[in-house]
Protein backbone atom coordinates (compact mmCIF):
# COMPACT_ATOMS: atom_id res chain seq x y z
CA MET A 1 3.92 -19.02 15.88
CA PHE A 2 3.92 -22.02 13.50
CA ARG A 3 0.47 -23.09 14.69
CA PHE A 4 -0.84 -19.53 14.29
CA THR A 5 0.47 -19.13 10.73
CA SER A 6 -0.43 -22.64 9.64
CA GLY A 7 -3.97 -22.07 10.96
CA LEU A 8 -4.51 -19.19 8.55
CA ILE A 9 -3.00 -21.18 5.66
CA SER A 10 -5.11 -24.22 6.54
CA SER A 11 -8.30 -22.14 6.61
CA ALA A 12 -7.59 -20.65 3.17
CA SER A 13 -6.66 -24.09 1.79
CA ASN A 14 -9.90 -25.64 3.07
CA GLN A 15 -11.97 -22.91 1.39
CA LEU A 16 -10.09 -23.44 -1.87
CA MET A 17 -10.58 -27.22 -1.71
CA ASN A 18 -14.33 -26.78 -1.11
CA ILE A 19 -14.61 -24.58 -4.19
CA ILE A 20 -12.63 -27.10 -6.27
CA ARG A 21 -14.91 -29.93 -5.10
CA LEU A 22 -18.03 -27.95 -6.00
CA LEU A 23 -16.69 -27.05 -9.44
CA THR A 24 -15.79 -30.69 -10.05
CA ALA A 25 -19.29 -31.79 -9.02
CA LEU A 26 -20.86 -29.22 -11.38
CA PHE A 27 -18.64 -30.37 -14.24
CA LEU A 28 -19.60 -34.02 -13.71
CA ILE A 29 -23.31 -33.17 -13.51
CA ILE A 30 -23.12 -31.19 -16.78
CA LEU A 31 -21.19 -34.03 -18.42
CA ILE A 32 -23.56 -36.78 -17.23
CA PHE A 33 -26.88 -35.01 -17.86
CA GLY A 34 -25.71 -33.44 -21.14
CA THR A 35 -24.66 -36.83 -22.47
CA THR A 36 -27.84 -38.52 -21.18
CA ILE A 37 -30.25 -36.03 -22.79
CA HIS A 38 -28.35 -36.31 -26.10
CA TYR A 39 -28.88 -40.07 -26.25
CA LEU A 40 -32.48 -39.91 -24.95
CA GLU A 41 -33.58 -37.26 -27.46
CA PRO A 42 -31.13 -37.10 -30.39
CA GLY A 43 -33.72 -35.29 -32.48
CA VAL A 44 -33.89 -32.33 -30.09
CA TYR A 45 -30.22 -32.48 -29.07
CA PRO A 46 -28.39 -33.61 -32.25
CA ASP A 47 -24.87 -33.34 -30.77
CA MET A 48 -23.14 -33.46 -27.39
CA PHE A 49 -22.58 -29.70 -27.28
CA ASP A 50 -26.35 -29.07 -27.42
CA GLY A 51 -26.77 -31.43 -24.48
CA PHE A 52 -24.04 -29.70 -22.49
CA TRP A 53 -25.51 -26.28 -23.31
CA TRP A 54 -28.95 -27.40 -22.12
CA ALA A 55 -27.44 -28.71 -18.88
CA ILE A 56 -25.52 -25.48 -18.23
CA VAL A 57 -28.46 -23.10 -18.81
CA THR A 58 -30.82 -25.36 -16.86
CA ILE A 59 -28.50 -25.34 -13.84
CA SER A 60 -27.83 -21.60 -13.92
CA THR A 61 -31.13 -20.10 -15.17
CA VAL A 62 -33.64 -22.99 -15.28
CA GLY A 63 -33.39 -22.90 -19.07
CA TYR A 64 -33.74 -20.39 -21.91
CA GLY A 65 -36.45 -22.43 -23.69
CA ASP A 66 -34.39 -22.97 -26.86
CA PHE A 67 -34.05 -26.68 -26.01
CA VAL A 68 -37.01 -28.42 -24.31
CA PRO A 69 -37.20 -32.19 -23.64
CA GLU A 70 -40.18 -33.83 -25.42
CA SER A 71 -40.18 -37.38 -24.07
CA VAL A 72 -41.18 -38.48 -20.58
CA LEU A 73 -37.67 -39.74 -19.84
CA GLY A 74 -36.22 -36.47 -21.12
CA ARG A 75 -38.46 -34.43 -18.84
CA ILE A 76 -37.68 -36.67 -15.86
CA THR A 77 -33.98 -36.11 -16.63
CA GLY A 78 -34.64 -32.36 -16.66
CA VAL A 79 -36.41 -32.50 -13.29
CA LEU A 80 -33.52 -34.46 -11.77
CA LEU A 81 -31.05 -31.95 -13.21
CA ILE A 82 -32.98 -29.03 -11.72
CA LEU A 83 -33.19 -30.68 -8.30
CA THR A 84 -29.50 -31.63 -8.16
CA GLY A 85 -27.74 -29.11 -10.39
CA VAL A 86 -29.52 -25.96 -9.31
CA GLY A 87 -29.10 -26.94 -5.67
CA ILE A 88 -25.36 -27.51 -6.05
CA PHE A 89 -24.93 -24.33 -8.14
CA SER A 90 -26.76 -22.27 -5.51
CA PHE A 91 -24.65 -23.86 -2.78
CA TYR A 92 -21.52 -23.00 -4.78
CA LEU A 93 -22.51 -19.33 -5.09
CA THR A 94 -23.37 -19.20 -1.39
CA ASN A 95 -20.02 -20.76 -0.52
CA VAL A 96 -18.11 -18.23 -2.63
CA ALA A 97 -20.05 -15.30 -1.13
CA THR A 98 -19.54 -16.61 2.41
CA SER A 99 -15.83 -17.06 1.76
CA ALA A 100 -15.53 -13.46 0.48
CA ILE A 101 -17.42 -12.08 3.49
CA THR A 102 -15.32 -14.14 5.91
CA THR A 103 -12.09 -12.96 4.28
CA LYS A 104 -13.20 -9.31 4.43
CA ASP A 105 -14.18 -9.68 8.09
CA ASN A 106 -10.83 -11.29 8.93
CA ILE A 107 -9.02 -8.40 7.25
CA GLU A 108 -11.06 -5.87 9.24
CA ARG A 109 -10.26 -7.79 12.45
CA GLY A 110 -6.53 -7.77 11.75
CA LYS A 111 -6.07 -11.48 11.05
CA HIS A 112 -4.51 -11.25 7.59
CA LYS A 113 -0.85 -10.78 6.69
CA PHE A 114 0.39 -7.71 4.83
CA HIS A 115 2.24 -8.75 1.65
CA ARG A 116 3.62 -5.50 0.23
CA LYS A 117 6.95 -3.89 1.03
CA GLY A 118 8.40 -0.45 1.77
CA HIS A 119 5.63 0.29 4.28
CA ILE A 120 5.52 2.06 7.64
CA ILE A 121 4.56 0.05 10.72
CA ILE A 122 2.84 2.07 13.45
CA VAL A 123 2.42 0.44 16.85
CA GLY A 124 -0.45 1.53 19.10
CA TRP A 125 -3.80 3.21 18.50
CA ASN A 126 -4.40 6.57 20.17
CA GLU A 127 -4.97 10.22 19.30
CA ARG A 128 -1.30 10.68 18.36
CA THR A 129 -1.54 7.77 15.93
CA ARG A 130 -4.70 9.20 14.37
CA LEU A 131 -2.98 12.55 13.77
CA LEU A 132 0.19 10.80 12.58
CA LEU A 133 -1.78 8.88 9.97
CA LYS A 134 -3.40 12.12 8.87
CA GLU A 135 0.02 13.75 8.38
CA ILE A 136 1.38 10.73 6.50
CA LYS A 137 -1.61 10.80 4.16
CA LYS A 138 -1.11 14.52 3.50
CA GLN A 139 2.55 14.02 2.67
CA ASN A 140 2.08 10.96 0.47
CA GLU A 141 -1.32 9.79 -0.72
CA LYS A 142 0.20 6.49 -1.88
CA ALA A 143 1.84 5.73 1.47
CA GLN A 144 1.46 2.18 2.75
CA VAL A 145 0.89 1.85 6.48
CA VAL A 146 0.33 -1.14 8.76
CA LEU A 147 -1.29 -0.40 12.12
CA VAL A 148 -0.42 -2.88 14.89
CA ASP A 149 -2.58 -2.71 18.02
CA GLU A 150 -3.96 -5.15 20.59
CA THR A 151 -6.78 -2.99 21.97
CA LEU A 152 -8.83 -2.57 18.78
CA GLU A 153 -11.35 -5.27 17.90
CA LYS A 154 -11.68 -4.02 14.32
CA LYS A 155 -9.98 -1.46 12.13
CA PRO A 156 -11.57 2.03 12.37
CA SER A 157 -13.97 2.50 9.45
CA ASP A 158 -12.29 5.71 8.23
CA LEU A 159 -8.89 4.02 7.79
CA THR A 160 -9.69 2.15 4.60
CA TRP A 161 -6.17 2.77 3.23
CA VAL A 162 -4.45 1.31 6.32
CA HIS A 163 -3.81 -2.41 6.85
CA PHE A 164 -4.63 -3.52 10.40
CA VAL A 165 -2.87 -6.29 12.34
CA ARG A 166 -4.32 -7.13 15.74
CA GLY A 167 -1.99 -8.14 18.54
CA PRO A 168 0.94 -6.94 20.67
CA ALA A 169 4.09 -5.79 18.88
CA SER A 170 6.12 -7.81 21.39
CA HIS A 171 4.98 -11.06 19.72
CA ASP A 172 6.97 -12.33 16.75
CA GLN A 173 3.96 -13.75 14.88
CA VAL A 174 2.22 -10.36 14.98
CA LEU A 175 5.27 -8.69 13.44
CA TYR A 176 5.47 -11.38 10.76
CA LYS A 177 1.86 -10.59 9.82
CA ALA A 178 2.91 -6.93 9.49
CA ASN A 179 5.64 -8.12 7.05
CA ILE A 180 8.33 -6.55 9.21
CA HIS A 181 11.19 -7.93 7.10
CA GLU A 182 10.20 -5.72 4.15
CA ALA A 183 9.09 -2.64 6.09
CA HIS A 184 10.70 0.79 5.67
CA THR A 185 10.24 2.21 9.18
CA ALA A 186 8.64 1.26 12.49
CA ILE A 187 7.06 3.90 14.74
CA ILE A 188 6.12 2.94 18.30
CA THR A 189 3.74 5.23 20.19
CA ALA A 190 3.42 5.12 23.97
CA ASP A 191 0.47 3.17 25.34
CA SER A 192 -2.11 5.68 26.57
CA HIS A 193 -4.14 3.01 28.39
CA THR A 194 -1.67 2.53 31.26
CA ASP A 195 0.66 4.49 33.56
CA GLU A 196 3.82 6.16 32.22
CA HIS A 197 6.32 3.64 33.60
CA SER A 198 4.36 0.66 32.28
CA ALA A 199 3.92 2.39 28.93
CA ASP A 200 7.68 2.90 28.57
CA SER A 201 8.39 -0.70 29.61
CA LYS A 202 5.97 -1.90 26.95
CA THR A 203 7.61 0.36 24.35
CA ILE A 204 11.09 -0.96 25.21
CA LEU A 205 9.85 -4.55 24.92
CA SER A 206 8.41 -3.73 21.49
CA ILE A 207 11.74 -2.21 20.42
CA LEU A 208 13.60 -5.34 21.54
CA THR A 209 11.21 -7.59 19.62
CA ILE A 210 11.29 -5.50 16.45
CA LYS A 211 15.09 -5.26 16.47
CA GLY A 212 15.33 -8.97 17.24
CA VAL A 213 13.25 -9.86 14.19
CA ASN A 214 14.66 -7.19 11.85
CA PRO A 215 17.80 -5.50 13.24
CA LYS A 216 18.13 -3.23 10.18
CA LEU A 217 14.66 -1.70 10.44
CA TYR A 218 14.81 2.01 11.34
CA THR A 219 12.80 2.31 14.55
CA ILE A 220 11.35 5.47 16.07
CA ALA A 221 9.88 5.21 19.56
CA GLU A 222 8.03 7.52 21.92
CA ILE A 223 9.34 7.52 25.50
CA ILE A 224 7.54 9.38 28.27
CA THR A 225 9.83 9.16 31.33
CA GLU A 226 13.38 10.49 31.15
CA SER A 227 14.76 7.58 33.19
CA GLN A 228 13.87 5.10 30.44
CA ILE A 229 15.67 6.94 27.63
CA ILE A 230 18.91 5.02 28.15
CA ASN A 231 17.07 1.68 28.23
CA ALA A 232 15.28 2.50 24.99
CA ARG A 233 18.64 3.26 23.37
CA ARG A 234 20.07 0.00 24.71
CA ALA A 235 17.09 -1.83 23.21
CA GLY A 236 18.15 -0.54 19.80
CA ALA A 237 15.87 2.42 19.01
CA ASP A 238 17.33 4.52 16.19
CA GLU A 239 15.37 7.63 17.13
CA LEU A 240 13.56 8.59 20.32
CA VAL A 241 10.78 11.12 20.72
CA GLN A 242 10.66 12.37 24.31
CA SER A 243 7.07 13.56 24.36
CA SER A 244 7.25 14.85 27.94
CA VAL A 245 10.39 16.88 27.20
CA LEU A 246 8.87 18.36 24.04
CA LEU A 247 5.69 19.35 25.83
CA SER A 248 7.44 20.81 28.88
CA SER A 249 9.85 22.80 26.68
CA LEU A 250 7.02 24.33 24.68
CA MET A 251 5.08 25.20 27.82
CA HIS A 252 8.18 26.59 29.53
CA ASN A 253 8.92 28.97 26.64
CA GLY A 254 5.29 30.01 26.34
CA PRO A 255 5.29 32.66 29.11
CA GLU A 256 8.46 34.28 27.76
CA CYS A 257 7.60 34.02 24.07
CA HIS A 258 3.89 33.90 23.41
CA GLY A 259 2.97 31.80 20.39
CA VAL A 260 6.18 29.72 20.27
CA SER A 261 4.19 26.47 20.34
CA LYS A 262 2.23 27.56 17.26
CA LEU A 263 5.52 28.43 15.54
CA MET A 264 6.95 24.96 16.19
CA LEU A 265 3.79 23.26 14.96
CA THR A 266 3.89 25.35 11.80
CA LEU A 267 7.44 24.18 11.09
CA LEU A 268 6.61 20.53 11.68
CA GLN A 269 3.23 20.13 10.00
CA THR A 270 3.20 18.82 6.43
CA ASP A 271 0.47 21.12 5.10
CA THR A 272 2.43 24.34 5.70
CA LYS A 273 4.46 26.24 3.10
CA ASN A 274 7.80 25.45 4.77
CA LYS A 275 9.37 22.35 6.29
CA MET A 276 12.57 21.46 8.11
CA GLU A 277 14.98 18.85 6.76
CA LEU A 278 18.20 17.15 7.83
CA ARG A 279 20.63 16.63 4.96
CA LYS A 280 23.91 14.77 5.00
CA LEU A 281 26.88 17.11 4.65
CA PRO A 282 28.37 16.74 1.13
CA GLU A 283 31.87 15.25 1.09
CA GLU A 284 33.30 18.32 -0.65
CA CYS A 285 32.18 20.46 2.32
CA ILE A 286 34.04 18.43 4.97
CA GLY A 287 36.75 20.59 6.54
CA LEU A 288 35.18 23.88 5.50
CA GLU A 289 34.14 26.51 8.01
CA TYR A 290 30.48 27.36 8.48
CA GLY A 291 31.04 30.88 7.13
CA GLU A 292 32.50 29.47 3.91
CA LEU A 293 29.49 27.20 3.51
CA ILE A 294 27.13 30.15 3.92
CA GLU A 295 28.99 32.12 1.24
CA ASP A 296 28.69 29.28 -1.27
CA TRP A 297 25.15 28.33 -0.29
CA ASN A 298 22.64 28.31 -3.14
CA PHE A 299 19.55 29.56 -1.36
CA ASP A 300 16.82 29.01 -4.01
CA GLY A 301 14.05 29.00 -1.41
CA GLU A 302 16.20 27.20 1.18
CA HIS A 303 17.72 28.57 4.37
CA LEU A 304 20.56 26.98 6.33
CA LEU A 305 19.76 27.12 10.05
CA GLY A 306 22.70 25.22 11.50
CA ILE A 307 24.47 21.88 11.90
CA TRP A 308 23.30 18.61 13.44
CA ARG A 309 26.13 16.72 15.14
CA ASP A 310 26.15 13.88 17.69
CA ASP A 311 22.39 13.97 18.24
CA SER A 312 22.32 17.70 18.99
CA ALA A 313 21.82 20.85 16.94
CA GLU A 314 24.21 23.77 16.68
CA LEU A 315 21.93 26.51 15.36
CA LEU A 316 23.52 29.55 13.70
CA PRO A 317 27.07 28.58 14.74
CA PRO A 318 29.97 31.07 14.39
CA ASP A 319 31.62 31.45 10.98
CA SER A 320 34.72 29.65 12.29
CA TYR A 321 32.73 26.50 13.15
CA GLU A 322 34.51 23.61 11.38
CA LEU A 323 32.40 21.10 9.47
CA LYS A 324 33.21 17.42 10.07
CA GLU A 325 32.37 14.07 8.54
CA GLY A 326 29.02 12.81 9.80
CA ASP A 327 27.52 16.30 10.17
CA HIS A 328 24.06 17.02 8.83
CA LEU A 329 22.67 20.33 7.60
CA VAL A 330 19.57 21.76 9.27
CA VAL A 331 17.66 23.32 6.37
CA LEU A 332 14.39 25.23 6.21
CA VAL A 333 12.85 24.44 2.82
CA LYS A 334 10.08 26.29 1.03
CA LYS A 335 7.74 23.80 -0.59
CA LYS A 336 7.36 23.96 -4.33
CA LYS A 337 3.85 24.35 -5.67
């Protein structure tokens, strides 16, 4: 990891040192030739500043014509300045342009570290990730996202707002480049390029690595096979999305209730008029019965659907259902325009 990080730092330092050397060389050339032309032709260049000005414009534009050497030695000095100064100045501009292009290419190829904080790290590139990014952008245009993937050679051209880090999420140095210590949330999608068991094993390894580097980072992971749910929890995942269970449940209810899958998508998508939220139960409501909460509920475009307790939902519970510490409210919220 140290060699990997130090390599990037060393490359940037070398480019900076080259630019400093070129600027120093240009400064010395201007100083030497400006002073020389002043002493060779004091009538044309009465002070040092005129000599320096002539040297600068000769290097950058081959002269404006406001100062022209008259003597043979002055003209020879001008020729030498053009041959050396213009060449070095052109090399300097080329070096700066090359450095900028190289830096941009390295960013596109996922070689640069992300330096901001409060971002979302998404692991894996697939159709689910593409749709997830679309939903995140709809919800918050200023959202900061880092995409971590080892299969992409370069960042997709349409994801200009996303920072790309190339490499497996099971490697510490890759997570450091994604600035995992200052991230808000990590989302791990299942690898679609391999079989289900291997994909889950890879996801669990990514969870272990992420939690090992930043134990406090809230981590959401997609698990395909039911047998690996317990292992994903052991690895430290804060929230698991069982994609196979979700899909099978929607398809199972389809024959009995046509259109139920569309209903669920409508509730979950960010561009619809309503959205579902989980809210922590207020302290003053602990010990109340569900019926009492309903009576005191200030609707205002919101509808209480039930209670979330111990990783399961109790929808429309009886009025006698007692509310406890740690409960969350399942609320359907109408978006404000």
